């Protein structure tokens, strides 16, 4: 597993399918600040809460110059259903083989109820307009994460 990203690192490039089946890549956001967040599974309680928090904060984030992209191992069809059900207007990308999550160190060992397994680590990486990491947060909580991220980015002064 790659080491966790830190500010100043080049963000790994990617190109994945979105909920509508279109290819979307990090380069599409060049010149903008981009929040890339990794979540385990669409339409689960924690992931829904987090996605809705991003949805509700999107006008403030975009107003401050930040775009948002969500990435999970879910298939495109599940992402389309999730986006429609929750009114999500930012791209949700399908990473079924978790290659992008691995490149971002958002895939690795997890423990749950005494069981150890490999899975998606809820993580957020903010990429600057130059393609470099501005902020990287791992093992974030679904609830309250977006508010904390806004504070960390100094958007809520």
N, C-alpha and C. Protein backbone atom coordinates (compact mmCIF):
# COMPACT_ATOMS: atom_id res chain seq x y z
N UNK A 1 0.84 -1.18 0.00
CA UNK A 1 0.00 0.00 0.00
C UNK A 1 0.89 1.25 0.00
N UNK A 2 0.57 2.22 -0.87
CA UNK A 2 1.37 3.44 -0.90
C UNK A 2 1.27 4.20 0.43
N UNK A 3 2.28 5.00 0.68
CA UNK A 3 2.24 5.82 1.88
C UNK A 3 1.16 6.89 1.72
N UNK A 4 0.64 7.33 2.84
CA UNK A 4 -0.37 8.37 2.81
C UNK A 4 0.18 9.64 2.16
N UNK A 5 -0.70 10.31 1.47
CA UNK A 5 -0.33 11.56 0.82
C UNK A 5 -0.17 12.66 1.86
N UNK A 6 0.71 13.59 1.58
CA UNK A 6 0.93 14.74 2.45
C UNK A 6 0.95 16.00 1.57
N UNK A 7 0.67 17.16 2.17
CA UNK A 7 0.69 18.40 1.39
C UNK A 7 2.01 18.56 0.63
N UNK A 8 1.86 18.95 -0.63
CA UNK A 8 3.02 19.11 -1.51
C UNK A 8 3.22 17.96 -2.46
N UNK A 9 2.68 16.77 -2.12
CA UNK A 9 2.78 15.62 -3.04
C UNK A 9 1.98 15.90 -4.31
N UNK A 10 2.42 15.31 -5.41
CA UNK A 10 1.60 15.32 -6.62
C UNK A 10 0.43 14.37 -6.39
N UNK A 11 -0.78 14.85 -6.64
CA UNK A 11 -1.95 13.98 -6.50
C UNK A 11 -1.96 12.97 -7.64
N UNK A 12 -2.16 11.70 -7.34
CA UNK A 12 -2.22 10.70 -8.41
C UNK A 12 -3.35 11.02 -9.39
N UNK A 13 -3.03 10.97 -10.67
CA UNK A 13 -4.04 11.23 -11.70
C UNK A 13 -4.97 10.03 -11.78
N UNK A 14 -6.18 10.26 -12.22
CA UNK A 14 -7.13 9.17 -12.40
C UNK A 14 -8.13 9.54 -13.48
N UNK A 15 -8.82 8.52 -14.00
CA UNK A 15 -9.94 8.70 -14.91
C UNK A 15 -10.88 7.55 -14.63
N UNK A 16 -12.08 7.89 -14.16
CA UNK A 16 -13.08 6.89 -13.78
C UNK A 16 -14.44 7.27 -14.38
N UNK A 17 -15.36 6.31 -14.37
CA UNK A 17 -16.71 6.60 -14.85
C UNK A 17 -17.55 7.21 -13.74
N UNK A 18 -18.35 8.21 -14.12
CA UNK A 18 -19.26 8.81 -13.15
C UNK A 18 -20.61 8.10 -13.20
N UNK A 19 -21.56 8.59 -12.42
CA UNK A 19 -22.87 7.95 -12.29
C UNK A 19 -23.62 7.89 -13.62
N UNK A 20 -23.27 8.78 -14.56
CA UNK A 20 -23.93 8.79 -15.87
C UNK A 20 -23.14 7.99 -16.91
N UNK A 21 -22.01 7.38 -16.49
CA UNK A 21 -21.21 6.58 -17.41
C UNK A 21 -20.19 7.39 -18.19
N UNK A 22 -20.01 8.68 -17.85
CA UNK A 22 -19.01 9.51 -18.50
C UNK A 22 -17.66 9.37 -17.80
N UNK A 23 -16.59 9.49 -18.57
CA UNK A 23 -15.26 9.46 -17.98
C UNK A 23 -14.96 10.82 -17.36
N UNK A 24 -14.50 10.80 -16.12
CA UNK A 24 -14.13 12.02 -15.40
C UNK A 24 -12.75 11.77 -14.81
N UNK A 25 -11.87 12.75 -14.97
CA UNK A 25 -10.53 12.61 -14.45
C UNK A 25 -10.10 13.81 -13.64
N UNK A 26 -9.05 13.63 -12.87
CA UNK A 26 -8.53 14.72 -12.06
C UNK A 26 -8.12 15.90 -12.93
N UNK A 27 -7.59 15.62 -14.12
CA UNK A 27 -7.16 16.70 -15.01
C UNK A 27 -8.32 17.60 -15.43
N UNK A 28 -9.54 17.07 -15.37
CA UNK A 28 -10.71 17.88 -15.72
C UNK A 28 -10.90 19.03 -14.73
N UNK A 29 -10.27 18.93 -13.57
CA UNK A 29 -10.41 19.95 -12.53
C UNK A 29 -9.15 20.81 -12.40
N UNK A 30 -8.20 20.65 -13.31
CA UNK A 30 -6.96 21.43 -13.28
C UNK A 30 -7.32 22.91 -13.24
N UNK A 31 -6.62 23.65 -12.43
CA UNK A 31 -6.89 25.08 -12.30
C UNK A 31 -7.91 25.40 -11.21
N UNK A 32 -8.45 24.34 -10.58
CA UNK A 32 -9.43 24.52 -9.50
C UNK A 32 -8.96 23.76 -8.27
N UNK A 33 -9.42 24.19 -7.12
CA UNK A 33 -9.24 23.40 -5.90
C UNK A 33 -10.28 22.29 -5.95
N UNK A 34 -9.87 21.07 -5.67
CA UNK A 34 -10.79 19.94 -5.77
C UNK A 34 -10.72 19.07 -4.52
N UNK A 35 -11.89 18.87 -3.92
CA UNK A 35 -12.02 17.97 -2.77
C UNK A 35 -12.34 16.59 -3.32
N UNK A 36 -11.42 15.65 -3.15
CA UNK A 36 -11.62 14.26 -3.59
C UNK A 36 -11.86 13.45 -2.32
N UNK A 37 -13.09 12.95 -2.17
CA UNK A 37 -13.35 12.17 -0.96
C UNK A 37 -13.71 10.74 -1.31
N UNK A 38 -13.21 9.83 -0.49
CA UNK A 38 -13.40 8.39 -0.68
C UNK A 38 -14.35 7.90 0.40
N UNK A 39 -15.37 7.15 -0.03
CA UNK A 39 -16.35 6.62 0.92
C UNK A 39 -16.61 5.15 0.58
N UNK A 40 -16.93 4.33 1.61
CA UNK A 40 -17.01 2.88 1.40
C UNK A 40 -18.16 2.38 0.52
N UNK A 41 -19.38 2.91 0.71
CA UNK A 41 -20.51 2.33 -0.03
C UNK A 41 -21.68 3.29 -0.11
N UNK A 42 -22.14 3.53 -1.33
CA UNK A 42 -23.29 4.40 -1.55
C UNK A 42 -24.53 3.84 -0.86
N UNK A 43 -25.37 4.75 -0.41
CA UNK A 43 -26.68 4.43 0.16
C UNK A 43 -26.62 3.72 1.50
N UNK A 44 -25.48 3.78 2.17
CA UNK A 44 -25.39 3.29 3.55
C UNK A 44 -25.54 4.52 4.46
N UNK A 45 -25.94 4.32 5.71
CA UNK A 45 -26.24 5.48 6.55
C UNK A 45 -25.11 6.51 6.67
N UNK A 46 -23.90 6.08 6.98
CA UNK A 46 -22.79 7.02 7.14
C UNK A 46 -22.43 7.71 5.83
N UNK A 47 -22.38 6.94 4.76
CA UNK A 47 -22.01 7.51 3.46
C UNK A 47 -23.08 8.46 2.95
N UNK A 48 -24.33 8.16 3.24
CA UNK A 48 -25.42 9.06 2.84
C UNK A 48 -25.32 10.36 3.62
N UNK A 49 -25.06 10.28 4.92
CA UNK A 49 -24.91 11.49 5.74
C UNK A 49 -23.77 12.35 5.20
N UNK A 50 -22.63 11.73 4.92
CA UNK A 50 -21.48 12.47 4.42
C UNK A 50 -21.78 13.10 3.06
N UNK A 51 -22.36 12.34 2.15
CA UNK A 51 -22.67 12.86 0.82
C UNK A 51 -23.66 14.02 0.90
N UNK A 52 -24.66 13.90 1.77
CA UNK A 52 -25.64 14.98 1.92
C UNK A 52 -25.01 16.21 2.56
N UNK A 53 -24.05 16.02 3.45
CA UNK A 53 -23.32 17.15 4.01
C UNK A 53 -22.54 17.87 2.91
N UNK A 54 -21.89 17.11 2.02
CA UNK A 54 -21.19 17.75 0.90
C UNK A 54 -22.20 18.45 -0.01
N UNK A 55 -23.33 17.80 -0.29
CA UNK A 55 -24.37 18.41 -1.12
C UNK A 55 -24.82 19.75 -0.53
N UNK A 56 -25.09 19.74 0.78
CA UNK A 56 -25.60 20.94 1.43
C UNK A 56 -24.54 22.04 1.53
N UNK A 57 -23.26 21.67 1.55
CA UNK A 57 -22.17 22.63 1.62
C UNK A 57 -21.63 23.02 0.25
N UNK A 58 -22.14 22.40 -0.80
CA UNK A 58 -21.59 22.63 -2.14
C UNK A 58 -21.62 24.10 -2.56
N UNK A 59 -22.72 24.83 -2.34
CA UNK A 59 -22.69 26.25 -2.74
C UNK A 59 -21.58 27.03 -2.04
N UNK A 60 -21.38 26.80 -0.75
CA UNK A 60 -20.33 27.51 -0.01
C UNK A 60 -18.96 27.07 -0.48
N UNK A 61 -18.78 25.75 -0.72
CA UNK A 61 -17.49 25.25 -1.20
C UNK A 61 -17.18 25.82 -2.58
N UNK A 62 -18.16 25.74 -3.48
CA UNK A 62 -17.93 26.26 -4.83
C UNK A 62 -17.72 27.77 -4.81
N UNK A 63 -18.44 28.46 -3.93
CA UNK A 63 -18.27 29.90 -3.80
C UNK A 63 -16.86 30.28 -3.36
N UNK A 64 -16.22 29.37 -2.62
CA UNK A 64 -14.84 29.59 -2.17
C UNK A 64 -13.83 28.99 -3.14
N UNK A 65 -14.31 28.46 -4.29
CA UNK A 65 -13.41 27.96 -5.31
C UNK A 65 -13.07 26.49 -5.23
N UNK A 66 -13.91 25.69 -4.55
CA UNK A 66 -13.65 24.25 -4.40
C UNK A 66 -14.72 23.44 -5.14
N UNK A 67 -14.27 22.45 -5.91
CA UNK A 67 -15.16 21.46 -6.51
C UNK A 67 -15.10 20.21 -5.63
N UNK A 68 -16.12 19.35 -5.74
CA UNK A 68 -16.19 18.13 -4.93
C UNK A 68 -16.36 16.93 -5.85
N UNK A 69 -15.62 15.85 -5.57
CA UNK A 69 -15.73 14.59 -6.29
C UNK A 69 -15.74 13.47 -5.25
N UNK A 70 -16.74 12.58 -5.32
CA UNK A 70 -16.79 11.41 -4.43
C UNK A 70 -16.38 10.16 -5.19
N UNK A 71 -15.61 9.30 -4.54
CA UNK A 71 -15.15 8.05 -5.17
C UNK A 71 -15.43 6.88 -4.23
N UNK A 72 -16.03 5.83 -4.80
CA UNK A 72 -16.28 4.60 -4.03
C UNK A 72 -16.11 3.40 -4.96
N UNK A 73 -16.04 2.20 -4.38
CA UNK A 73 -15.93 1.00 -5.23
C UNK A 73 -17.25 0.58 -5.88
N UNK A 74 -18.32 1.33 -5.63
CA UNK A 74 -19.64 0.95 -6.15
C UNK A 74 -19.70 0.97 -7.67
N UNK A 75 -20.55 0.11 -8.26
CA UNK A 75 -20.75 0.16 -9.71
C UNK A 75 -21.51 1.43 -10.12
N UNK A 76 -21.35 1.83 -11.37
CA UNK A 76 -21.97 3.04 -11.90
C UNK A 76 -23.47 3.07 -11.62
N UNK A 77 -24.15 1.96 -11.80
CA UNK A 77 -25.61 1.93 -11.63
C UNK A 77 -26.00 2.29 -10.20
N UNK A 78 -25.26 1.79 -9.22
CA UNK A 78 -25.57 2.10 -7.82
C UNK A 78 -25.32 3.58 -7.55
N UNK A 79 -24.26 4.13 -8.14
CA UNK A 79 -23.98 5.55 -7.96
C UNK A 79 -25.08 6.40 -8.56
N UNK A 80 -25.60 6.00 -9.72
CA UNK A 80 -26.68 6.75 -10.35
C UNK A 80 -27.92 6.75 -9.46
N UNK A 81 -28.25 5.60 -8.89
CA UNK A 81 -29.41 5.52 -7.99
C UNK A 81 -29.20 6.38 -6.74
N UNK A 82 -27.99 6.33 -6.19
CA UNK A 82 -27.65 7.10 -4.99
C UNK A 82 -27.75 8.61 -5.27
N UNK A 83 -27.16 9.04 -6.38
CA UNK A 83 -27.18 10.46 -6.74
C UNK A 83 -28.62 10.95 -6.93
N UNK A 84 -29.44 10.13 -7.60
CA UNK A 84 -30.83 10.52 -7.85
C UNK A 84 -31.63 10.55 -6.55
N UNK A 85 -31.45 9.56 -5.71
CA UNK A 85 -32.21 9.47 -4.46
C UNK A 85 -31.89 10.62 -3.51
N UNK A 86 -30.63 11.07 -3.52
CA UNK A 86 -30.20 12.10 -2.55
C UNK A 86 -30.00 13.48 -3.17
N UNK A 87 -30.27 13.61 -4.47
CA UNK A 87 -30.12 14.90 -5.12
C UNK A 87 -28.69 15.40 -5.13
N UNK A 88 -27.76 14.49 -5.39
CA UNK A 88 -26.34 14.84 -5.38
C UNK A 88 -25.94 15.41 -6.75
N UNK A 89 -25.41 16.62 -6.76
CA UNK A 89 -25.11 17.29 -8.03
C UNK A 89 -23.62 17.35 -8.34
N UNK A 90 -22.79 16.72 -7.52
CA UNK A 90 -21.36 16.65 -7.80
C UNK A 90 -21.04 15.25 -8.30
N UNK A 91 -19.93 15.08 -9.02
CA UNK A 91 -19.62 13.77 -9.59
C UNK A 91 -19.35 12.70 -8.53
N UNK A 92 -19.95 11.54 -8.74
CA UNK A 92 -19.65 10.33 -7.97
C UNK A 92 -18.98 9.38 -8.94
N UNK A 93 -17.79 8.91 -8.60
CA UNK A 93 -17.02 8.10 -9.52
C UNK A 93 -16.89 6.67 -9.01
N UNK A 94 -16.91 5.73 -9.96
CA UNK A 94 -16.84 4.31 -9.67
C UNK A 94 -15.41 3.81 -9.80
N UNK A 95 -14.90 3.24 -8.70
CA UNK A 95 -13.52 2.71 -8.64
C UNK A 95 -13.62 1.23 -8.23
N UNK A 96 -14.21 0.38 -9.11
CA UNK A 96 -14.52 -0.99 -8.71
C UNK A 96 -13.33 -1.85 -8.32
N UNK A 97 -12.17 -1.59 -8.92
CA UNK A 97 -10.99 -2.39 -8.58
C UNK A 97 -10.14 -1.68 -7.52
N UNK A 98 -10.66 -0.59 -6.99
CA UNK A 98 -10.06 0.26 -5.95
C UNK A 98 -8.63 0.69 -6.25
N UNK A 99 -8.28 0.78 -7.54
CA UNK A 99 -6.92 1.20 -7.92
C UNK A 99 -6.66 2.66 -7.53
N UNK A 100 -7.67 3.52 -7.72
CA UNK A 100 -7.49 4.93 -7.37
C UNK A 100 -7.42 5.08 -5.86
N UNK A 101 -8.29 4.37 -5.15
CA UNK A 101 -8.24 4.41 -3.68
C UNK A 101 -6.87 3.95 -3.19
N UNK A 102 -6.32 2.93 -3.81
CA UNK A 102 -4.99 2.45 -3.42
C UNK A 102 -3.93 3.51 -3.69
N UNK A 103 -4.01 4.17 -4.84
CA UNK A 103 -3.03 5.21 -5.19
C UNK A 103 -3.08 6.37 -4.20
N UNK A 104 -4.25 6.62 -3.63
CA UNK A 104 -4.43 7.70 -2.67
C UNK A 104 -4.27 7.21 -1.22
N UNK A 105 -3.87 5.95 -1.05
CA UNK A 105 -3.71 5.33 0.28
C UNK A 105 -5.02 5.31 1.05
N UNK A 106 -6.14 5.24 0.31
CA UNK A 106 -7.45 5.18 0.93
C UNK A 106 -8.01 3.75 0.94
N UNK A 107 -7.17 2.79 0.65
CA UNK A 107 -7.56 1.38 0.69
C UNK A 107 -6.54 0.67 1.56
N UNK A 108 -7.01 -0.10 2.53
CA UNK A 108 -6.06 -0.79 3.38
C UNK A 108 -6.74 -1.57 4.47
N UNK A 109 -5.95 -1.93 5.47
CA UNK A 109 -6.45 -2.78 6.55
C UNK A 109 -7.41 -2.03 7.45
N UNK A 110 -8.53 -2.69 7.72
CA UNK A 110 -9.56 -2.14 8.60
C UNK A 110 -9.91 -3.19 9.65
N UNK A 111 -10.43 -2.73 10.76
CA UNK A 111 -10.90 -3.64 11.81
C UNK A 111 -12.32 -3.27 12.17
N UNK A 112 -13.16 -4.29 12.25
CA UNK A 112 -14.56 -4.07 12.58
C UNK A 112 -15.07 -5.29 13.34
N UNK A 113 -15.57 -5.06 14.52
CA UNK A 113 -16.11 -6.15 15.36
C UNK A 113 -15.11 -7.29 15.50
N UNK A 114 -13.84 -6.94 15.70
CA UNK A 114 -12.81 -7.94 15.93
C UNK A 114 -12.30 -8.62 14.68
N UNK A 115 -12.82 -8.25 13.53
CA UNK A 115 -12.42 -8.85 12.26
C UNK A 115 -11.50 -7.88 11.53
N UNK A 116 -10.43 -8.39 10.94
CA UNK A 116 -9.50 -7.58 10.16
C UNK A 116 -9.69 -7.92 8.68
N UNK A 117 -9.77 -6.90 7.86
CA UNK A 117 -9.97 -7.10 6.42
C UNK A 117 -9.48 -5.87 5.67
N UNK A 118 -9.30 -5.99 4.36
CA UNK A 118 -8.95 -4.85 3.52
C UNK A 118 -10.22 -4.19 3.03
N UNK A 119 -10.23 -2.87 3.07
CA UNK A 119 -11.40 -2.14 2.60
C UNK A 119 -11.08 -0.67 2.41
N UNK A 120 -12.10 0.07 2.06
CA UNK A 120 -11.92 1.50 1.82
C UNK A 120 -11.85 2.26 3.14
N UNK A 121 -10.86 3.10 3.26
CA UNK A 121 -10.66 3.94 4.44
C UNK A 121 -11.24 5.31 4.11
N UNK A 122 -12.25 5.71 4.85
CA UNK A 122 -12.91 7.00 4.57
C UNK A 122 -11.85 8.11 4.66
N UNK A 123 -11.62 8.77 3.53
CA UNK A 123 -10.52 9.72 3.42
C UNK A 123 -10.92 10.90 2.54
N UNK A 124 -10.24 12.03 2.75
CA UNK A 124 -10.46 13.21 1.93
C UNK A 124 -9.11 13.82 1.59
N UNK A 125 -8.92 14.11 0.31
CA UNK A 125 -7.71 14.75 -0.17
C UNK A 125 -8.12 15.99 -0.95
N UNK A 126 -7.58 17.13 -0.56
CA UNK A 126 -7.85 18.38 -1.28
C UNK A 126 -6.67 18.63 -2.20
N UNK A 127 -6.98 18.75 -3.50
CA UNK A 127 -5.97 18.94 -4.53
C UNK A 127 -6.05 20.38 -5.02
N UNK A 128 -4.90 21.03 -5.07
CA UNK A 128 -4.86 22.42 -5.52
C UNK A 128 -4.93 22.53 -7.03
N UNK A 129 -5.02 23.77 -7.52
CA UNK A 129 -5.13 24.00 -8.97
C UNK A 129 -3.94 23.46 -9.76
N UNK A 130 -2.79 23.30 -9.09
CA UNK A 130 -1.58 22.81 -9.75
C UNK A 130 -1.44 21.29 -9.70
N UNK A 131 -2.46 20.61 -9.13
CA UNK A 131 -2.40 19.15 -9.06
C UNK A 131 -1.65 18.62 -7.86
N UNK A 132 -1.30 19.49 -6.94
CA UNK A 132 -0.59 19.07 -5.72
C UNK A 132 -1.56 18.99 -4.55
N UNK A 133 -1.24 18.08 -3.65
CA UNK A 133 -2.06 17.89 -2.45
C UNK A 133 -1.92 19.10 -1.54
N UNK A 134 -3.06 19.66 -1.15
CA UNK A 134 -3.09 20.78 -0.19
C UNK A 134 -3.36 20.27 1.21
N UNK A 135 -4.17 19.21 1.30
CA UNK A 135 -4.61 18.68 2.59
C UNK A 135 -4.98 17.21 2.38
N UNK A 136 -4.61 16.34 3.31
CA UNK A 136 -4.98 14.92 3.22
C UNK A 136 -5.42 14.47 4.60
N UNK A 137 -6.63 13.92 4.69
CA UNK A 137 -7.19 13.46 5.95
C UNK A 137 -7.65 12.01 5.78
N UNK A 138 -7.22 11.15 6.71
CA UNK A 138 -7.54 9.73 6.64
C UNK A 138 -8.32 9.31 7.88
N UNK A 139 -9.10 8.23 7.73
CA UNK A 139 -9.94 7.71 8.82
C UNK A 139 -10.85 8.79 9.37
N UNK A 140 -11.45 9.55 8.45
CA UNK A 140 -12.36 10.62 8.88
C UNK A 140 -13.70 10.02 9.27
N UNK A 141 -14.45 10.76 10.07
CA UNK A 141 -15.78 10.34 10.47
C UNK A 141 -16.79 10.82 9.43
N UNK A 142 -17.82 10.03 9.19
CA UNK A 142 -18.84 10.43 8.22
C UNK A 142 -19.59 11.66 8.73
N UNK A 143 -19.97 11.63 9.98
CA UNK A 143 -20.75 12.72 10.55
C UNK A 143 -19.81 13.82 11.05
N UNK A 144 -20.06 15.03 10.60
CA UNK A 144 -19.27 16.17 11.05
C UNK A 144 -18.01 16.42 10.25
N UNK A 145 -17.69 15.54 9.32
CA UNK A 145 -16.45 15.69 8.57
C UNK A 145 -16.46 16.94 7.69
N UNK A 146 -17.56 17.19 6.99
CA UNK A 146 -17.60 18.33 6.08
C UNK A 146 -17.45 19.64 6.86
N UNK A 147 -18.09 19.74 8.00
CA UNK A 147 -17.95 20.94 8.83
C UNK A 147 -16.50 21.12 9.27
N UNK A 148 -15.84 20.02 9.66
CA UNK A 148 -14.43 20.08 10.07
C UNK A 148 -13.56 20.48 8.88
N UNK A 149 -13.83 19.91 7.72
CA UNK A 149 -13.07 20.24 6.52
C UNK A 149 -13.20 21.72 6.21
N UNK A 150 -14.41 22.26 6.29
CA UNK A 150 -14.61 23.69 6.04
C UNK A 150 -13.80 24.53 7.01
N UNK A 151 -13.76 24.11 8.28
CA UNK A 151 -12.95 24.84 9.27
C UNK A 151 -11.46 24.74 8.92
N UNK A 152 -11.01 23.51 8.56
CA UNK A 152 -9.60 23.30 8.23
C UNK A 152 -9.18 24.12 7.00
N UNK A 153 -10.10 24.32 6.08
CA UNK A 153 -9.83 25.12 4.88
C UNK A 153 -10.05 26.61 5.14
N UNK A 154 -10.45 26.92 6.36
CA UNK A 154 -10.69 28.31 6.79
C UNK A 154 -11.80 28.97 5.95
N UNK A 155 -12.84 28.18 5.65
CA UNK A 155 -13.97 28.70 4.89
C UNK A 155 -15.05 29.26 5.81
N UNK A 156 -15.02 28.87 7.07
CA UNK A 156 -16.01 29.36 8.04
C UNK A 156 -15.31 30.27 9.03
N UNK A 157 -15.11 31.50 8.60
CA UNK A 157 -14.39 32.45 9.48
C UNK A 157 -15.35 33.13 10.42
